[in-house]
Amino acid sequence: MKSVQSLHETLDDDCKKEMDRFSERAKETEELMFVPTTRVDFLCYATTLTLDPNTANYNLLTEDNSSVKPCKEPQPTALTSSPRCCGKK
């Protein structure tokens, strides 16, 4: 009976050690996860985009093809079968 109890205690101790180890790793992982909240935080994800005039909505596209704004006058369009997105960082 002592051997069973000893085995139980050993397993219990090992499980507690593993749970402590997992808890520490979870804390480390939470610290590594960065969640942007301010404008400055989001700027690291900023990139320059050029909208494809062949696929962007003609009522929204501006002359420089890099921003959108509501526009009542239609812009010239050309139809293509494959949408594209061009970006560079």
PDB file of N, CA and C in Angstrom:
ATOM      1  N   MET A   1       0.812  -1.189   0.000  1.00  0.00           N
ATOM      2  CA  MET A   1       0.000   0.000   0.000  1.00  0.00           C
ATOM      3  C   MET A   1       0.861   1.261   0.000  1.00  0.00           C
ATOM      4  N   LYS A   2       2.019   1.171   0.689  1.00  0.00           N
ATOM      5  CA  LYS A   2       2.914   2.318   0.734  1.00  0.00           C
ATOM      6  C   LYS A   2       3.416   2.679  -0.649  1.00  0.00           C
ATOM      7  N   SER A   3       3.699   1.676  -1.464  1.00  0.00           N
ATOM      8  CA  SER A   3       4.236   1.943  -2.801  1.00  0.00           C
ATOM      9  C   SER A   3       3.203   2.668  -3.671  1.00  0.00           C
ATOM     10  N   VAL A   4       1.929   2.317  -3.532  1.00  0.00           N
ATOM     11  CA  VAL A   4       0.876   2.984  -4.294  1.00  0.00           C
ATOM     12  C   VAL A   4       0.747   4.432  -3.832  1.00  0.00           C
ATOM     13  N   GLN A   5       0.786   4.636  -2.530  1.00  0.00           N
ATOM     14  CA  GLN A   5       0.696   5.990  -1.999  1.00  0.00           C
ATOM     15  C   GLN A   5       1.920   6.806  -2.418  1.00  0.00           C
ATOM     16  N   SER A   6       3.076   6.202  -2.390  1.00  0.00           N
ATOM     17  CA  SER A   6       4.301   6.882  -2.810  1.00  0.00           C
ATOM     18  C   SER A   6       4.232   7.263  -4.290  1.00  0.00           C
ATOM     19  N   LEU A   7       3.725   6.347  -5.103  1.00  0.00           N
ATOM     20  CA  LEU A   7       3.560   6.623  -6.530  1.00  0.00           C
ATOM     21  C   LEU A   7       2.571   7.766  -6.744  1.00  0.00           C
ATOM     22  N   HIS A   8       1.492   7.753  -5.988  1.00  0.00           N
ATOM     23  CA  HIS A   8       0.484   8.809  -6.080  1.00  0.00           C
ATOM     24  C   HIS A   8       1.094  10.168  -5.729  1.00  0.00           C
ATOM     25  N   GLU A   9       1.878  10.211  -4.663  1.00  0.00           N
ATOM     26  CA  GLU A   9       2.512  11.469  -4.251  1.00  0.00           C
ATOM     27  C   GLU A   9       3.514  11.948  -5.300  1.00  0.00           C
ATOM     28  N   THR A  10       4.277  11.009  -5.861  1.00  0.00           N
ATOM     29  CA  THR A  10       5.251  11.356  -6.897  1.00  0.00           C
ATOM     30  C   THR A  10       4.550  11.923  -8.124  1.00  0.00           C
ATOM     31  N   LEU A  11       3.479  11.269  -8.545  1.00  0.00           N
ATOM     32  CA  LEU A  11       2.715  11.760  -9.692  1.00  0.00           C
ATOM     33  C   LEU A  11       2.096  13.122  -9.405  1.00  0.00           C
ATOM     34  N   ASP A  12       1.587  13.283  -8.208  1.00  0.00           N
ATOM     35  CA  ASP A  12       0.980  14.551  -7.822  1.00  0.00           C
ATOM     36  C   ASP A  12       2.022  15.675  -7.841  1.00  0.00           C
ATOM     37  N   ASP A  13       3.204  15.398  -7.300  1.00  0.00           N
ATOM     38  CA  ASP A  13       4.287  16.394  -7.313  1.00  0.00           C
ATOM     39  C   ASP A  13       4.699  16.733  -8.745  1.00  0.00           C
ATOM     40  N   ASP A  14       4.836  15.709  -9.579  1.00  0.00           N
ATOM     41  CA  ASP A  14       5.223  15.938 -10.975  1.00  0.00           C
ATOM     42  C   ASP A  14       4.176  16.781 -11.709  1.00  0.00           C
ATOM     43  N   CYS A  15       2.913  16.491 -11.462  1.00  0.00           N
ATOM     44  CA  CYS A  15       1.840  17.259 -12.105  1.00  0.00           C
ATOM     45  C   CYS A  15       1.863  18.715 -11.649  1.00  0.00           C
ATOM     46  N   LYS A  16       2.097  18.944 -10.371  1.00  0.00           N
ATOM     47  CA  LYS A  16       2.164  20.316  -9.858  1.00  0.00           C
ATOM     48  C   LYS A  16       3.336  21.065 -10.487  1.00  0.00           C
ATOM     49  N   LYS A  17       4.487  20.386 -10.610  1.00  0.00           N
ATOM     50  CA  LYS A  17       5.657  21.018 -11.233  1.00  0.00           C
ATOM     51  C   LYS A  17       5.364  21.372 -12.694  1.00  0.00           C
ATOM     52  N   GLU A  18       4.724  20.464 -13.405  1.00  0.00           N
ATOM     53  CA  GLU A  18       4.388  20.720 -14.811  1.00  0.00           C
ATOM     54  C   GLU A  18       3.394  21.871 -14.939  1.00  0.00           C
ATOM     55  N   MET A  19       2.415  21.916 -14.064  1.00  0.00           N
ATOM     56  CA  MET A  19       1.439  23.009 -14.105  1.00  0.00           C
ATOM     57  C   MET A  19       2.118  24.348 -13.824  1.00  0.00           C
ATOM     58  N   ASP A  20       3.050  24.354 -12.873  1.00  0.00           N
ATOM     59  CA  ASP A  20       3.799  25.583 -12.595  1.00  0.00           C
ATOM     60  C   ASP A  20       4.613  25.996 -13.816  1.00  0.00           C
ATOM     61  N   ARG A  21       5.233  25.019 -14.464  1.00  0.00           N
ATOM     62  CA  ARG A  21       6.033  25.307 -15.655  1.00  0.00           C
ATOM     63  C   ARG A  21       5.145  25.861 -16.771  1.00  0.00           C
ATOM     64  N   PHE A  22       3.983  25.250 -16.984  1.00  0.00           N
ATOM     65  CA  PHE A  22       3.046  25.733 -18.006  1.00  0.00           C
ATOM     66  C   PHE A  22       2.549  27.141 -17.675  1.00  0.00           C
ATOM     67  N   SER A  23       2.297  27.393 -16.403  1.00  0.00           N
ATOM     68  CA  SER A  23       1.830  28.721 -15.999  1.00  0.00           C
ATOM     69  C   SER A  23       2.886  29.779 -16.296  1.00  0.00           C
ATOM     70  N   GLU A  24       4.142  29.459 -16.009  1.00  0.00           N
ATOM     71  CA  GLU A  24       5.230  30.402 -16.301  1.00  0.00           C
ATOM     72  C   GLU A  24       5.347  30.657 -17.796  1.00  0.00           C
ATOM     73  N   ARG A  25       5.237  29.601 -18.596  1.00  0.00           N
ATOM     74  CA  ARG A  25       5.326  29.769 -20.051  1.00  0.00           C
ATOM     75  C   ARG A  25       4.148  30.581 -20.574  1.00  0.00           C
ATOM     76  N   ALA A  26       2.977  30.386 -19.991  1.00  0.00           N
ATOM     77  CA  ALA A  26       1.803  31.156 -20.417  1.00  0.00           C
ATOM     78  C   ALA A  26       2.007  32.637 -20.109  1.00  0.00           C
ATOM     79  N   LYS A  27       2.581  32.951 -18.961  1.00  0.00           N
ATOM     80  CA  LYS A  27       2.855  34.350 -18.611  1.00  0.00           C
ATOM     81  C   LYS A  27       3.851  34.960 -19.593  1.00  0.00           C
ATOM     82  N   GLU A  28       4.892  34.197 -19.943  1.00  0.00           N
ATOM     83  CA  GLU A  28       5.887  34.682 -20.904  1.00  0.00           C
ATOM     84  C   GLU A  28       5.238  34.942 -22.258  1.00  0.00           C
ATOM     85  N   THR A  29       4.359  34.052 -22.681  1.00  0.00           N
ATOM     86  CA  THR A  29       3.688  34.195 -23.967  1.00  0.00           C
ATOM     87  C   THR A  29       2.794  35.425 -23.970  1.00  0.00           C
ATOM     88  N   GLU A  30       2.076  35.661 -22.896  1.00  0.00           N
ATOM     89  CA  GLU A  30       1.217  36.840 -22.798  1.00  0.00           C
ATOM     90  C   GLU A  30       2.037  38.116 -22.904  1.00  0.00           C
ATOM     91  N   GLU A  31       3.237  38.109 -22.327  1.00  0.00           N
ATOM     92  CA  GLU A  31       4.093  39.286 -22.402  1.00  0.00           C
ATOM     93  C   GLU A  31       4.579  39.515 -23.823  1.00  0.00           C
ATOM     94  N   LEU A  32       4.765  38.441 -24.586  1.00  0.00           N
ATOM     95  CA  LEU A  32       5.254  38.553 -25.956  1.00  0.00           C
ATOM     96  C   LEU A  32       4.173  39.023 -26.923  1.00  0.00           C
ATOM     97  N   MET A  33       2.927  38.783 -26.587  1.00  0.00           N
ATOM     98  CA  MET A  33       1.830  39.153 -27.478  1.00  0.00           C
ATOM     99  C   MET A  33       1.595  40.658 -27.382  1.00  0.00           C
ATOM    100  N   PHE A  34       1.834  41.338 -28.480  1.00  0.00           N
ATOM    101  CA  PHE A  34       1.693  42.789 -28.524  1.00  0.00           C
ATOM    102  C   PHE A  34       0.365  43.137 -29.172  1.00  0.00           C
ATOM    103  N   VAL A  35      -0.436  43.891 -28.473  1.00  0.00           N
ATOM    104  CA  VAL A  35      -1.717  44.334 -29.004  1.00  0.00           C
ATOM    105  C   VAL A  35      -1.660  45.850 -29.151  1.00  0.00           C
ATOM    106  N   PRO A  36      -1.612  46.341 -30.398  1.00  0.00           N
ATOM    107  CA  PRO A  36      -1.526  47.786 -30.586  1.00  0.00           C
ATOM    108  C   PRO A  36      -2.797  48.486 -30.110  1.00  0.00           C
ATOM    109  N   THR A  37      -2.608  49.607 -29.425  1.00  0.00           N
ATOM    110  CA  THR A  37      -3.766  50.354 -28.923  1.00  0.00           C
ATOM    111  C   THR A  37      -3.718  51.827 -29.316  1.00  0.00           C
ATOM    112  N   THR A  38      -2.534  52.340 -29.584  1.00  0.00           N
ATOM    113  CA  THR A  38      -2.421  53.751 -29.950  1.00  0.00           C
ATOM    114  C   THR A  38      -2.053  53.874 -31.423  1.00  0.00           C
ATOM    115  N   ARG A  39      -2.165  55.069 -31.944  1.00  0.00           N
ATOM    116  CA  ARG A  39      -1.811  55.323 -33.345  1.00  0.00           C
ATOM    117  C   ARG A  39      -0.348  54.967 -33.597  1.00  0.00           C
ATOM    118  N   VAL A  40       0.517  55.312 -32.661  1.00  0.00           N
ATOM    119  CA  VAL A  40       1.943  55.015 -32.797  1.00  0.00           C
ATOM    120  C   VAL A  40       2.163  53.503 -32.866  1.00  0.00           C
ATOM    121  N   ASP A  41       1.424  52.750 -32.053  1.00  0.00           N
ATOM    122  CA  ASP A  41       1.535  51.289 -32.081  1.00  0.00           C
ATOM    123  C   ASP A  41       1.158  50.735 -33.448  1.00  0.00           C
ATOM    124  N   PHE A  42       0.119  51.296 -34.046  1.00  0.00           N
ATOM    125  CA  PHE A  42      -0.345  50.801 -35.337  1.00  0.00           C
ATOM    126  C   PHE A  42       0.578  51.188 -36.485  1.00  0.00           C
ATOM    127  N   LEU A  43       1.364  52.245 -36.318  1.00  0.00           N
ATOM    128  CA  LEU A  43       2.221  52.722 -37.404  1.00  0.00           C
ATOM    129  C   LEU A  43       3.254  51.688 -37.849  1.00  0.00           C
ATOM    130  N   CYS A  44       3.641  50.778 -36.973  1.00  0.00           N
ATOM    131  CA  CYS A  44       4.610  49.755 -37.385  1.00  0.00           C
ATOM    132  C   CYS A  44       4.003  48.814 -38.426  1.00  0.00           C
ATOM    133  N   TYR A  45       2.697  48.792 -38.560  1.00  0.00           N
ATOM    134  CA  TYR A  45       2.030  47.961 -39.565  1.00  0.00           C
ATOM    135  C   TYR A  45       1.668  48.752 -40.822  1.00  0.00           C
ATOM    136  N   ALA A  46       1.988  50.030 -40.845  1.00  0.00           N
ATOM    137  CA  ALA A  46       1.624  50.880 -41.981  1.00  0.00           C
ATOM    138  C   ALA A  46       2.419  50.497 -43.224  1.00  0.00           C
ATOM    139  N   THR A  47       1.791  50.609 -44.358  1.00  0.00           N
ATOM    140  CA  THR A  47       2.453  50.334 -45.625  1.00  0.00           C
ATOM    141  C   THR A  47       1.873  51.251 -46.693  1.00  0.00           C
ATOM    142  N   THR A  48       2.619  51.440 -47.756  1.00  0.00           N
ATOM    143  CA  THR A  48       2.153  52.260 -48.864  1.00  0.00           C
ATOM    144  C   THR A  48       1.385  51.379 -49.834  1.00  0.00           C
ATOM    145  N   LEU A  49       0.190  51.775 -50.169  1.00  0.00           N
ATOM    146  CA  LEU A  49      -0.636  51.016 -51.103  1.00  0.00           C
ATOM    147  C   LEU A  49      -0.885  51.836 -52.352  1.00  0.00           C
ATOM    148  N   THR A  50      -0.937  51.143 -53.460  1.00  0.00           N
ATOM    149  CA  THR A  50      -1.382  51.758 -54.704  1.00  0.00           C
ATOM    150  C   THR A  50      -2.588  50.969 -55.165  1.00  0.00           C
ATOM    151  N   LEU A  51      -3.710  51.624 -55.263  1.00  0.00           N
ATOM    152  CA  LEU A  51      -4.932  50.947 -55.685  1.00  0.00           C
ATOM    153  C   LEU A  51      -4.917  50.765 -57.194  1.00  0.00           C
ATOM    154  N   ASP A  52      -5.326  49.609 -57.634  1.00  0.00           N
ATOM    155  CA  ASP A  52      -5.384  49.317 -59.062  1.00  0.00           C
ATOM    156  C   ASP A  52      -6.598  50.027 -59.652  1.00  0.00           C
ATOM    157  N   PRO A  53      -6.408  50.966 -60.557  1.00  0.00           N
ATOM    158  CA  PRO A  53      -7.542  51.702 -61.118  1.00  0.00           C
ATOM    159  C   PRO A  53      -8.473  50.816 -61.932  1.00  0.00           C
ATOM    160  N   ASN A  54      -8.006  49.644 -62.326  1.00  0.00           N
ATOM    161  CA  ASN A  54      -8.857  48.730 -63.088  1.00  0.00           C
ATOM    162  C   ASN A  54      -9.824  47.957 -62.199  1.00  0.00           C
ATOM    163  N   THR A  55      -9.530  47.886 -60.915  1.00  0.00           N
ATOM    164  CA  THR A  55     -10.401  47.102 -60.039  1.00  0.00           C
ATOM    165  C   THR A  55     -11.021  47.917 -58.907  1.00  0.00           C
ATOM    166  N   ALA A  56     -10.461  49.079 -58.591  1.00  0.00           N
ATOM    167  CA  ALA A  56     -11.030  49.917 -57.531  1.00  0.00           C
ATOM    168  C   ALA A  56     -12.318  50.570 -58.030  1.00  0.00           C
ATOM    169  N   ASN A  57     -13.223  50.808 -57.131  1.00  0.00           N
ATOM    170  CA  ASN A  57     -14.484  51.442 -57.487  1.00  0.00           C
ATOM    171  C   ASN A  57     -14.220  52.841 -58.028  1.00  0.00           C
ATOM    172  N   TYR A  58     -14.721  53.136 -59.204  1.00  0.00           N
ATOM    173  CA  TYR A  58     -14.438  54.408 -59.867  1.00  0.00           C
ATOM    174  C   TYR A  58     -15.001  55.609 -59.127  1.00  0.00           C
ATOM    175  N   ASN A  59     -15.974  55.404 -58.252  1.00  0.00           N
ATOM    176  CA  ASN A  59     -16.528  56.521 -57.480  1.00  0.00           C
ATOM    177  C   ASN A  59     -15.673  56.877 -56.265  1.00  0.00           C
ATOM    178  N   LEU A  60     -14.700  56.063 -55.959  1.00  0.00           N
ATOM    179  CA  LEU A  60     -13.904  56.289 -54.762  1.00  0.00           C
ATOM    180  C   LEU A  60     -12.455  56.655 -55.031  1.00  0.00           C
ATOM    181  N   LEU A  61     -11.911  56.260 -56.138  1.00  0.00           N
ATOM    182  CA  LEU A  61     -10.488  56.395 -56.414  1.00  0.00           C
ATOM    183  C   LEU A  61     -10.067  57.843 -56.631  1.00  0.00           C
ATOM    184  N   THR A  62      -8.917  58.225 -56.066  1.00  0.00           N
ATOM    185  CA  THR A  62      -8.373  59.567 -56.282  1.00  0.00           C
ATOM    186  C   THR A  62      -7.326  59.524 -57.390  1.00  0.00           C
ATOM    187  N   GLU A  63      -6.856  60.688 -57.780  1.00  0.00           N
ATOM    188  CA  GLU A  63      -5.917  60.770 -58.899  1.00  0.00           C
ATOM    189  C   GLU A  63      -4.605  60.040 -58.637  1.00  0.00           C
ATOM    190  N   ASP A  64      -4.134  60.043 -57.402  1.00  0.00           N
ATOM    191  CA  ASP A  64      -2.852  59.403 -57.119  1.00  0.00           C
ATOM    192  C   ASP A  64      -2.967  57.889 -56.898  1.00  0.00           C
ATOM    193  N   ASN A  65      -4.166  57.349 -56.951  1.00  0.00           N
ATOM    194  CA  ASN A  65      -4.436  55.917 -56.788  1.00  0.00           C
ATOM    195  C   ASN A  65      -3.962  55.355 -55.444  1.00  0.00           C
ATOM    196  N   SER A  66      -3.756  56.202 -54.452  1.00  0.00           N
ATOM    197  CA  SER A  66      -3.302  55.698 -53.159  1.00  0.00           C
ATOM    198  C   SER A  66      -4.263  56.030 -52.016  1.00  0.00           C
ATOM    199  N   SER A  67      -5.346  56.701 -52.316  1.00  0.00           N
ATOM    200  CA  SER A  67      -6.346  56.980 -51.298  1.00  0.00           C
ATOM    201  C   SER A  67      -7.720  56.975 -51.953  1.00  0.00           C
ATOM    202  N   VAL A  68      -8.731  56.916 -51.115  1.00  0.00           N
ATOM    203  CA  VAL A  68     -10.095  56.901 -51.632  1.00  0.00           C
ATOM    204  C   VAL A  68     -10.880  58.041 -51.009  1.00  0.00           C
ATOM    205  N   LYS A  69     -11.843  58.520 -51.752  1.00  0.00           N
ATOM    206  CA  LYS A  69     -12.754  59.539 -51.236  1.00  0.00           C
ATOM    207  C   LYS A  69     -14.030  59.464 -52.063  1.00  0.00           C
ATOM    208  N   PRO A  70     -15.150  59.841 -51.469  1.00  0.00           N
ATOM    209  CA  PRO A  70     -16.389  59.846 -52.243  1.00  0.00           C
ATOM    210  C   PRO A  70     -16.286  60.840 -53.398  1.00  0.00           C
ATOM    211  N   CYS A  71     -16.748  60.427 -54.543  1.00  0.00           N
ATOM    212  CA  CYS A  71     -16.661  61.274 -55.728  1.00  0.00           C
ATOM    213  C   CYS A  71     -17.920  61.062 -56.557  1.00  0.00           C
ATOM    214  N   LYS A  72     -18.596  62.141 -56.924  1.00  0.00           N
ATOM    215  CA  LYS A  72     -19.833  62.012 -57.696  1.00  0.00           C
ATOM    216  C   LYS A  72     -19.575  61.806 -59.174  1.00  0.00           C
ATOM    217  N   GLU A  73     -18.457  62.306 -59.680  1.00  0.00           N
ATOM    218  CA  GLU A  73     -18.207  62.147 -61.109  1.00  0.00           C
ATOM    219  C   GLU A  73     -17.451  60.839 -61.362  1.00  0.00           C
ATOM    220  N   PRO A  74     -17.956  60.021 -62.273  1.00  0.00           N
ATOM    221  CA  PRO A  74     -17.323  58.732 -62.541  1.00  0.00           C
ATOM    222  C   PRO A  74     -15.937  58.904 -63.156  1.00  0.00           C
ATOM    223  N   GLN A  75     -15.042  58.025 -62.763  1.00  0.00           N
ATOM    224  CA  GLN A  75     -13.698  57.991 -63.315  1.00  0.00           C
ATOM    225  C   GLN A  75     -13.663  56.928 -64.410  1.00  0.00           C
ATOM    226  N   PRO A  76     -12.751  57.034 -65.372  1.00  0.00           N
ATOM    227  CA  PRO A  76     -12.672  56.009 -66.414  1.00  0.00           C
ATOM    228  C   PRO A  76     -12.293  54.658 -65.814  1.00  0.00           C
ATOM    229  N   THR A  77     -12.871  53.605 -66.352  1.00  0.00           N
ATOM    230  CA  THR A  77     -12.575  52.261 -65.852  1.00  0.00           C
ATOM    231  C   THR A  77     -12.205  51.347 -67.001  1.00  0.00           C
ATOM    232  N   ALA A  78     -11.477  50.324 -66.678  1.00  0.00           N
ATOM    233  CA  ALA A  78     -11.165  49.249 -67.623  1.00  0.00           C
ATOM    234  C   ALA A  78     -11.427  47.948 -66.886  1.00  0.00           C
ATOM    235  N   LEU A  79     -12.157  47.051 -67.480  1.00  0.00           N
ATOM    236  CA  LEU A  79     -12.511  45.804 -66.815  1.00  0.00           C
ATOM    237  C   LEU A  79     -11.421  44.760 -67.002  1.00  0.00           C
ATOM    238  N   THR A  80     -11.065  44.102 -65.909  1.00  0.00           N
ATOM    239  CA  THR A  80     -10.151  42.959 -65.960  1.00  0.00           C
ATOM    240  C   THR A  80     -10.782  41.836 -65.168  1.00  0.00           C
ATOM    241  N   SER A  81     -10.317  40.640 -65.421  1.00  0.00           N
ATOM    242  CA  SER A  81     -10.918  39.496 -64.738  1.00  0.00           C
ATOM    243  C   SER A  81     -10.207  39.152 -63.440  1.00  0.00           C
ATOM    244  N   SER A  82      -9.021  39.704 -63.199  1.00  0.00           N
ATOM    245  CA  SER A  82      -8.299  39.343 -61.981  1.00  0.00           C
ATOM    246  C   SER A  82      -7.995  40.581 -61.141  1.00  0.00           C
ATOM    247  N   PRO A  83      -8.576  40.662 -59.924  1.00  0.00           N
ATOM    248  CA  PRO A  83      -8.283  41.789 -59.043  1.00  0.00           C
ATOM    249  C   PRO A  83      -6.833  41.733 -58.566  1.00  0.00           C
ATOM    250  N   ARG A  84      -6.236  42.903 -58.359  1.00  0.00           N
ATOM    251  CA  ARG A  84      -4.846  42.966 -57.918  1.00  0.00           C
ATOM    252  C   ARG A  84      -4.717  43.943 -56.761  1.00  0.00           C
ATOM    253  N   CYS A  85      -3.724  43.697 -55.957  1.00  0.00           N
ATOM    254  CA  CYS A  85      -3.385  44.613 -54.871  1.00  0.00           C
ATOM    255  C   CYS A  85      -1.880  44.799 -54.900  1.00  0.00           C
ATOM    256  N   CYS A  86      -1.431  46.015 -54.966  1.00  0.00           N
ATOM    257  CA  CYS A  86       0.001  46.299 -55.001  1.00  0.00           C
ATOM    258  C   CYS A  86       0.370  47.033 -53.729  1.00  0.00           C
ATOM    259  N   GLY A  87       1.346  46.543 -53.024  1.00  0.00           N
ATOM    260  CA  GLY A  87       1.779  47.215 -51.807  1.00  0.00           C
ATOM    261  C   GLY A  87       3.264  47.076 -51.616  1.00  0.00           C
ATOM    262  N   LYS A  88       3.847  48.019 -50.909  1.00  0.00           N
ATOM    263  CA  LYS A  88       5.255  47.928 -50.558  1.00  0.00           C
ATOM    264  C   LYS A  88       5.443  48.523 -49.188  1.00  0.00           C
ATOM    265  N   LYS A  89       6.392  48.007 -48.477  1.00  0.00           N
ATOM    266  CA  LYS A  89       6.629  48.467 -47.110  1.00  0.00           C
ATOM    267  C   LYS A  89       7.819  49.363 -47.060  1.00  0.00           C
TER     268      LYS A  89
END
